[in-house]
């Protein structure tokens, strides 16, 4: 009895771990791509550099053009101040999930709020001034409230970055050159963005563009190889433990057969118990991922969609195999 409970507990733990591994794998891959993007100077799967007529003056039109672009995109204008680089950004869906040492990155509402807010790299913490419980940093004579501090454990170039909204870029960044980051392949986002600007009476000329090496599936596999190995090992362990769990249900299967239960009824009962354990594990894994990796919840379905078909096959095959065992022999076991 104790061994049966232990096997059930191990099964629930393994079922919980699989979606968590899928989410952490995507988190790791995205972080690796972000680091590569820093070296490349852009974060999307491709980018297009535009020369925009009176970019700062027409920043509202630029932000609207981003919103009207169907693909996931982000626009930013930059200017170097010594070793510090100011990036005025705006995005339509989501930007890059940087590791936050304090606070949070810009929400869409904050980018459109019209308030002076900034997210800074960890090397700029010494430039912060505090007042009334808030943190501020001075840019070109204006104070910006610091809502977040970004930085990896190791040193990277974003440690000296300052992010502000495109809406607050007047006098701070160069608005004549804009970089459009694009996520997704063959989206036509660059042409659509230029058309959106043109409809608002703003001229934009494409200067350069390229695709990132990180858009390759091979790169995803390379970045996530250890997580993929853990994922596969966990899946194999679930299959093995599931077989052992079914063997522990042998006596119950025999009793149900003795009282005249049909094969489908027996299968349905065992499946119901297994599904119950799976639902419990899904709730646990969802809570863990929501607390630790809320931005990557989409990846949890990789774990779910892998568990369900594999486990259904394992359970059905082994339950029918167990029902072929003669009742007398099963009881002796």
Protein backbone atom coordinates (compact mmCIF):
# COMPACT_ATOMS: atom_id res chain seq x y z
CA UNK A 1 0.00 0.00 0.00
CA UNK A 2 2.80 2.40 0.95
CA UNK A 3 4.67 1.59 -2.24
CA UNK A 4 1.53 2.25 -4.26
CA UNK A 5 1.13 5.70 -2.65
CA UNK A 6 4.81 6.44 -3.21
CA UNK A 7 4.52 5.57 -6.91
CA UNK A 8 1.44 7.80 -7.19
CA UNK A 9 3.32 10.67 -5.54
CA UNK A 10 6.31 10.23 -7.86
CA UNK A 11 3.93 10.17 -10.85
CA UNK A 12 2.32 13.48 -9.80
CA UNK A 13 5.75 15.09 -9.29
CA UNK A 14 6.94 13.97 -12.73
CA UNK A 15 3.71 15.15 -14.38
CA UNK A 16 4.13 18.52 -12.65
CA UNK A 17 7.76 18.83 -13.73
CA UNK A 18 7.21 18.36 -17.47
CA UNK A 19 5.26 21.61 -18.17
CA UNK A 20 7.61 23.51 -15.85
CA UNK A 21 10.59 22.24 -17.86
CA UNK A 22 8.92 23.34 -21.12
CA UNK A 23 8.37 26.86 -19.73
CA UNK A 24 11.88 27.20 -18.30
CA UNK A 25 13.27 25.93 -21.60
CA UNK A 26 11.50 28.71 -23.51
CA UNK A 27 12.63 31.22 -20.88
CA UNK A 28 16.25 30.10 -21.34
CA UNK A 29 16.00 30.19 -25.15
CA UNK A 30 14.49 33.68 -25.12
CA UNK A 31 17.19 34.93 -22.74
CA UNK A 32 19.92 33.50 -24.98
CA UNK A 33 18.34 35.19 -27.99
CA UNK A 34 18.15 38.47 -26.06
CA UNK A 35 21.88 38.27 -25.29
CA UNK A 36 22.61 37.54 -28.95
CA UNK A 37 20.35 40.44 -29.91
CA UNK A 38 22.39 42.79 -27.75
CA UNK A 39 25.48 41.91 -29.75
CA UNK A 40 23.61 42.32 -33.05
CA UNK A 41 21.97 45.59 -32.05
CA UNK A 42 18.40 44.32 -32.43
CA UNK A 43 16.18 41.77 -30.71
CA UNK A 44 13.68 40.58 -33.31
CA UNK A 45 14.02 37.79 -35.83
CA UNK A 46 14.75 40.51 -38.36
CA UNK A 47 15.01 44.25 -38.41
CA UNK A 48 14.63 47.18 -40.80
CA UNK A 49 16.33 50.55 -40.39
CA UNK A 50 14.29 53.56 -41.53
CA UNK A 51 15.06 57.19 -42.12
CA UNK A 52 11.92 58.97 -40.94
CA UNK A 53 11.02 62.55 -41.72
CA UNK A 54 10.87 64.54 -38.46
CA UNK A 55 10.74 61.37 -36.37
CA UNK A 56 10.42 63.14 -33.02
CA UNK A 57 7.77 65.55 -34.29
CA UNK A 58 5.85 62.64 -35.84
CA UNK A 59 6.32 60.25 -32.91
CA UNK A 60 2.55 59.88 -32.39
CA UNK A 61 2.19 58.77 -36.01
CA UNK A 62 5.10 56.34 -35.55
CA UNK A 63 3.46 54.81 -32.47
CA UNK A 64 0.15 54.51 -34.33
CA UNK A 65 1.91 52.86 -37.27
CA UNK A 66 3.36 50.27 -34.87
CA UNK A 67 -0.09 49.61 -33.39
CA UNK A 68 -1.57 49.19 -36.88
CA UNK A 69 1.06 46.65 -37.92
CA UNK A 70 -0.37 43.13 -37.71
CA UNK A 71 2.87 41.30 -36.92
CA UNK A 72 4.64 41.59 -33.58
CA UNK A 73 7.01 44.55 -33.92
CA UNK A 74 8.85 47.12 -31.84
CA UNK A 75 10.33 50.46 -32.85
CA UNK A 76 13.20 52.25 -31.18
CA UNK A 77 15.25 55.38 -31.59
CA UNK A 78 18.68 55.59 -29.99
CA UNK A 79 21.34 58.06 -28.95
CA UNK A 80 24.70 57.49 -27.30
CA UNK A 81 25.66 59.54 -24.25
CA UNK A 82 29.23 58.54 -23.49
CA UNK A 83 29.09 54.87 -22.51
CA UNK A 84 25.34 55.07 -21.89
CA UNK A 85 22.85 54.41 -24.66
CA UNK A 86 19.31 55.78 -24.51
CA UNK A 87 16.68 53.73 -26.37
CA UNK A 88 13.25 55.26 -26.93
CA UNK A 89 10.95 52.29 -27.62
CA UNK A 90 7.39 51.39 -28.44
CA UNK A 91 5.87 47.99 -29.24
CA UNK A 92 2.49 46.60 -30.24
CA UNK A 93 2.40 43.21 -28.47
CA UNK A 94 5.42 42.62 -26.26
CA UNK A 95 9.10 43.46 -26.26
CA UNK A 96 12.01 41.47 -24.81
CA UNK A 97 11.69 39.82 -21.40
CA UNK A 98 14.77 41.21 -19.68
CA UNK A 99 15.82 39.92 -16.24
CA UNK A 100 14.57 42.51 -13.75
CA UNK A 101 16.66 43.31 -10.69
CA UNK A 102 14.08 45.84 -9.55
CA UNK A 103 10.57 46.77 -10.63
CA UNK A 104 9.30 45.87 -14.09
CA UNK A 105 9.70 46.69 -17.76
CA UNK A 106 7.31 49.04 -19.53
CA UNK A 107 3.72 47.98 -19.96
CA UNK A 108 1.89 49.18 -23.06
CA UNK A 109 -0.15 51.60 -20.93
CA UNK A 110 3.01 53.10 -19.42
CA UNK A 111 4.53 53.68 -22.86
CA UNK A 112 1.42 55.61 -23.88
CA UNK A 113 0.91 57.42 -20.58
CA UNK A 114 2.91 60.54 -21.51
CA UNK A 115 4.77 60.39 -18.20
CA UNK A 116 8.56 60.53 -17.84
CA UNK A 117 9.49 56.97 -16.89
CA UNK A 118 12.63 54.94 -17.51
CA UNK A 119 14.02 51.43 -17.22
CA UNK A 120 17.78 51.45 -16.69
CA UNK A 121 20.70 49.03 -16.70
CA UNK A 122 22.28 47.95 -13.43
CA UNK A 123 25.41 50.08 -13.96
CA UNK A 124 23.29 53.23 -13.74
CA UNK A 125 22.02 52.56 -10.23
CA UNK A 126 24.61 54.97 -8.86
CA UNK A 127 22.98 57.78 -10.88
CA UNK A 128 19.61 57.29 -9.20
CA UNK A 129 18.20 59.95 -6.91
CA UNK A 130 15.43 59.04 -4.50
CA UNK A 131 12.56 61.26 -3.47
CA UNK A 132 9.30 60.40 -1.69
CA UNK A 133 10.00 56.70 -2.05
CA UNK A 134 10.51 56.90 -5.83
CA UNK A 135 13.70 56.52 -7.85
CA UNK A 136 14.64 59.12 -10.48
CA UNK A 137 17.31 59.54 -13.13
CA UNK A 138 18.16 62.78 -14.95
CA UNK A 139 18.20 62.80 -18.75
CA UNK A 140 18.97 65.96 -20.69
CA UNK A 141 17.80 68.14 -17.81
CA UNK A 142 14.57 66.20 -17.19
CA UNK A 143 13.90 63.73 -14.40
CA UNK A 144 12.50 60.32 -15.28
CA UNK A 145 11.00 58.03 -12.66
CA UNK A 146 12.81 54.68 -12.67
CA UNK A 147 10.24 51.87 -12.82
CA UNK A 148 12.73 49.05 -13.40
CA UNK A 149 16.39 48.07 -13.34
CA UNK A 150 17.58 45.37 -15.73
CA UNK A 151 20.69 43.24 -15.71
CA UNK A 152 21.99 39.70 -15.88
CA UNK A 153 24.27 38.24 -13.23
CA UNK A 154 27.16 38.54 -15.68
CA UNK A 155 28.07 41.86 -17.30
CA UNK A 156 26.36 42.67 -20.63
CA UNK A 157 25.96 45.79 -22.74
CA UNK A 158 22.41 46.41 -21.46
CA UNK A 159 23.94 47.29 -18.09
CA UNK A 160 24.54 50.78 -19.54
CA UNK A 161 21.22 51.06 -21.42
CA UNK A 162 18.37 53.42 -20.60
CA UNK A 163 14.90 52.71 -21.99
CA UNK A 164 12.23 55.39 -22.28
CA UNK A 165 9.03 55.71 -24.29
CA UNK A 166 9.10 57.04 -27.86
CA UNK A 167 6.50 59.50 -26.64
CA UNK A 168 9.03 61.11 -24.28
CA UNK A 169 11.98 61.10 -26.71
CA UNK A 170 11.87 64.80 -27.62
CA UNK A 171 15.36 66.27 -27.22
CA UNK A 172 16.79 62.99 -25.91
CA UNK A 173 17.17 60.62 -28.88
CA UNK A 174 17.72 60.95 -32.61
CA UNK A 175 14.26 60.51 -34.17
CA UNK A 176 15.36 60.58 -37.80
CA UNK A 177 16.64 57.00 -37.67
CA UNK A 178 14.29 54.30 -36.40
CA UNK A 179 14.90 50.57 -36.08
CA UNK A 180 11.91 48.28 -36.52
CA UNK A 181 12.33 44.90 -34.83
CA UNK A 182 10.16 42.19 -36.38
CA UNK A 183 9.20 38.82 -34.93
CA UNK A 184 7.98 36.16 -37.34
CA UNK A 185 8.96 35.12 -40.84
CA UNK A 186 7.74 36.70 -44.09
CA UNK A 187 5.26 38.90 -42.24
CA UNK A 188 5.58 41.87 -44.58
CA UNK A 189 5.70 44.02 -41.43
CA UNK A 190 8.37 46.36 -42.81
CA UNK A 191 6.27 47.29 -45.87
CA UNK A 192 3.11 47.54 -43.78
CA UNK A 193 4.80 49.82 -41.25
CA UNK A 194 6.02 52.14 -44.03
CA UNK A 195 2.52 52.18 -45.58
CA UNK A 196 0.98 53.01 -42.21
CA UNK A 197 3.35 55.96 -41.86
CA UNK A 198 2.61 57.11 -45.39
CA UNK A 199 -1.13 57.07 -44.69
CA UNK A 200 -0.44 59.47 -41.82
CA UNK A 201 1.57 61.77 -44.08
CA UNK A 202 5.00 60.72 -42.78
CA UNK A 203 7.74 59.79 -45.23
CA UNK A 204 9.96 56.83 -44.33
CA UNK A 205 12.85 55.46 -46.37
CA UNK A 206 14.25 52.00 -45.77
CA UNK A 207 18.01 52.14 -45.20
CA UNK A 208 18.98 48.60 -44.20
CA UNK A 209 17.61 45.32 -42.96
CA UNK A 210 18.58 41.76 -42.19
CA UNK A 211 17.40 38.53 -40.59
CA UNK A 212 18.79 37.20 -37.34
CA UNK A 213 20.67 33.91 -37.06
CA UNK A 214 18.59 33.24 -33.93
CA UNK A 215 15.41 32.72 -36.00
CA UNK A 216 16.68 29.26 -36.97
CA UNK A 217 15.02 26.25 -35.32
CA UNK A 218 18.50 24.73 -35.05
CA UNK A 219 19.53 27.64 -32.83
CA UNK A 220 16.52 27.03 -30.56
CA UNK A 221 17.58 23.39 -30.25
CA UNK A 222 21.17 24.43 -29.59
CA UNK A 223 20.18 26.89 -26.86
CA UNK A 224 17.71 24.49 -25.26
CA UNK A 225 19.56 21.19 -25.71
CA UNK A 226 19.95 20.46 -21.98
CA UNK A 227 16.33 21.29 -21.29
CA UNK A 228 15.27 19.10 -24.21
CA UNK A 229 17.31 16.25 -22.70
CA UNK A 230 15.63 16.79 -19.29
CA UNK A 231 12.24 17.00 -21.02
CA UNK A 232 12.75 13.67 -22.82
CA UNK A 233 14.11 11.96 -19.68
CA UNK A 234 11.13 13.20 -17.67
CA UNK A 235 8.75 11.92 -20.35
CA UNK A 236 10.42 8.49 -20.31
CA UNK A 237 10.29 8.40 -16.50
CA UNK A 238 6.57 9.25 -16.61
CA UNK A 239 6.01 6.36 -19.02
CA UNK A 240 7.94 3.90 -16.80
CA UNK A 241 6.25 5.07 -13.58
CA UNK A 242 2.86 4.94 -15.29
CA UNK A 243 3.45 1.29 -16.15
CA UNK A 244 4.37 0.58 -12.52
CA UNK A 245 1.32 2.52 -11.32
CA UNK A 246 -0.98 0.41 -13.50
CA UNK A 247 0.60 -2.77 -12.12
CA UNK A 248 -0.32 -1.50 -8.63
CA UNK A 249 -3.92 -1.23 -9.84
CA UNK A 250 -3.93 -4.93 -10.83
CA UNK A 251 -5.90 -6.10 -7.79
CA UNK A 252 -8.55 -3.41 -8.29
CA UNK A 253 -8.82 -4.37 -11.96
CA UNK A 254 -9.35 -8.01 -10.96
CA UNK A 255 -12.06 -7.16 -8.42
CA UNK A 256 -13.94 -5.13 -11.00
CA UNK A 257 -13.65 -7.98 -13.49
CA UNK A 258 -14.95 -10.43 -10.86
CA UNK A 259 -18.06 -8.34 -10.25
CA UNK A 260 -18.75 -8.27 -13.99
CA UNK A 261 -17.37 -4.90 -15.09
CA UNK A 262 -16.82 -4.61 -18.81
CA UNK A 263 -13.39 -3.86 -20.22
CA UNK A 264 -14.34 -0.31 -21.20
CA UNK A 265 -15.72 0.34 -17.70
CA UNK A 266 -12.46 -0.84 -16.14
CA UNK A 267 -10.47 1.27 -18.60
CA UNK A 268 -12.67 4.29 -17.90
CA UNK A 269 -12.20 3.98 -14.13
CA UNK A 270 -8.40 3.71 -14.38
CA UNK A 271 -8.27 6.59 -16.86
CA UNK A 272 -10.40 8.74 -14.55
CA UNK A 273 -7.93 8.23 -11.69
CA UNK A 274 -4.98 8.97 -13.94
CA UNK A 275 -6.65 12.08 -15.36
CA UNK A 276 -7.34 13.26 -11.79
CA UNK A 277 -3.62 13.01 -10.97
CA UNK A 278 -2.79 14.77 -14.24
CA UNK A 279 -5.20 17.63 -13.46
CA UNK A 280 -3.67 18.01 -9.98
CA UNK A 281 -0.19 18.16 -11.52
CA UNK A 282 -1.36 20.69 -14.13
CA UNK A 283 -2.75 22.97 -11.44
CA UNK A 284 0.54 22.75 -9.51
CA UNK A 285 2.70 23.36 -12.59
CA UNK A 286 0.51 26.26 -13.72
CA UNK A 287 0.80 27.93 -10.32
CA UNK A 288 4.59 27.47 -10.31
CA UNK A 289 4.95 28.89 -13.81
CA UNK A 290 2.61 31.82 -13.14
CA UNK A 291 4.67 32.81 -10.11
CA UNK A 292 8.10 32.38 -11.71
CA UNK A 293 7.66 32.76 -15.50
CA UNK A 294 4.34 34.46 -16.16
CA UNK A 295 5.56 35.90 -19.49
CA UNK A 296 6.16 32.42 -20.88
CA UNK A 297 2.87 30.76 -19.96
CA UNK A 298 2.25 30.04 -23.65
CA UNK A 299 5.01 27.41 -23.51
CA UNK A 300 3.24 25.42 -20.80
CA UNK A 301 1.03 23.89 -23.50
CA UNK A 302 4.13 22.23 -24.98
CA UNK A 303 4.29 20.14 -21.82
CA UNK A 304 0.54 19.52 -21.71
CA UNK A 305 0.25 18.55 -25.37
CA UNK A 306 3.20 16.18 -24.99
CA UNK A 307 1.86 14.49 -21.84
CA UNK A 308 -1.69 13.86 -23.00
CA UNK A 309 -1.21 11.76 -26.20
CA UNK A 310 1.82 9.85 -24.90
CA UNK A 311 0.19 8.96 -21.60
CA UNK A 312 -3.13 7.96 -23.18
CA UNK A 313 -1.30 5.45 -25.36
CA UNK A 314 0.73 4.12 -22.40
CA UNK A 315 -2.32 3.80 -20.13
CA UNK A 316 -4.64 2.18 -22.69
CA UNK A 317 -2.05 -0.39 -23.83
CA UNK A 318 -1.07 -1.35 -20.28
CA UNK A 319 -4.64 -1.50 -18.91
CA UNK A 320 -5.71 -3.87 -21.68
CA UNK A 321 -2.52 -5.85 -21.09
CA UNK A 322 -3.39 -6.10 -17.39
CA UNK A 323 -6.90 -7.29 -18.21
CA UNK A 324 -5.51 -10.21 -20.24
CA UNK A 325 -3.86 -11.62 -17.12
CA UNK A 326 -5.98 -14.46 -15.63
CA UNK A 327 -7.76 -13.33 -12.46
CA UNK A 328 -6.33 -16.15 -10.34
CA UNK A 329 -2.77 -15.31 -11.41
CA UNK A 330 -3.32 -11.55 -10.84
CA UNK A 331 -4.67 -12.17 -7.29
CA UNK A 332 -1.63 -14.31 -6.42
CA UNK A 333 0.63 -11.44 -7.52
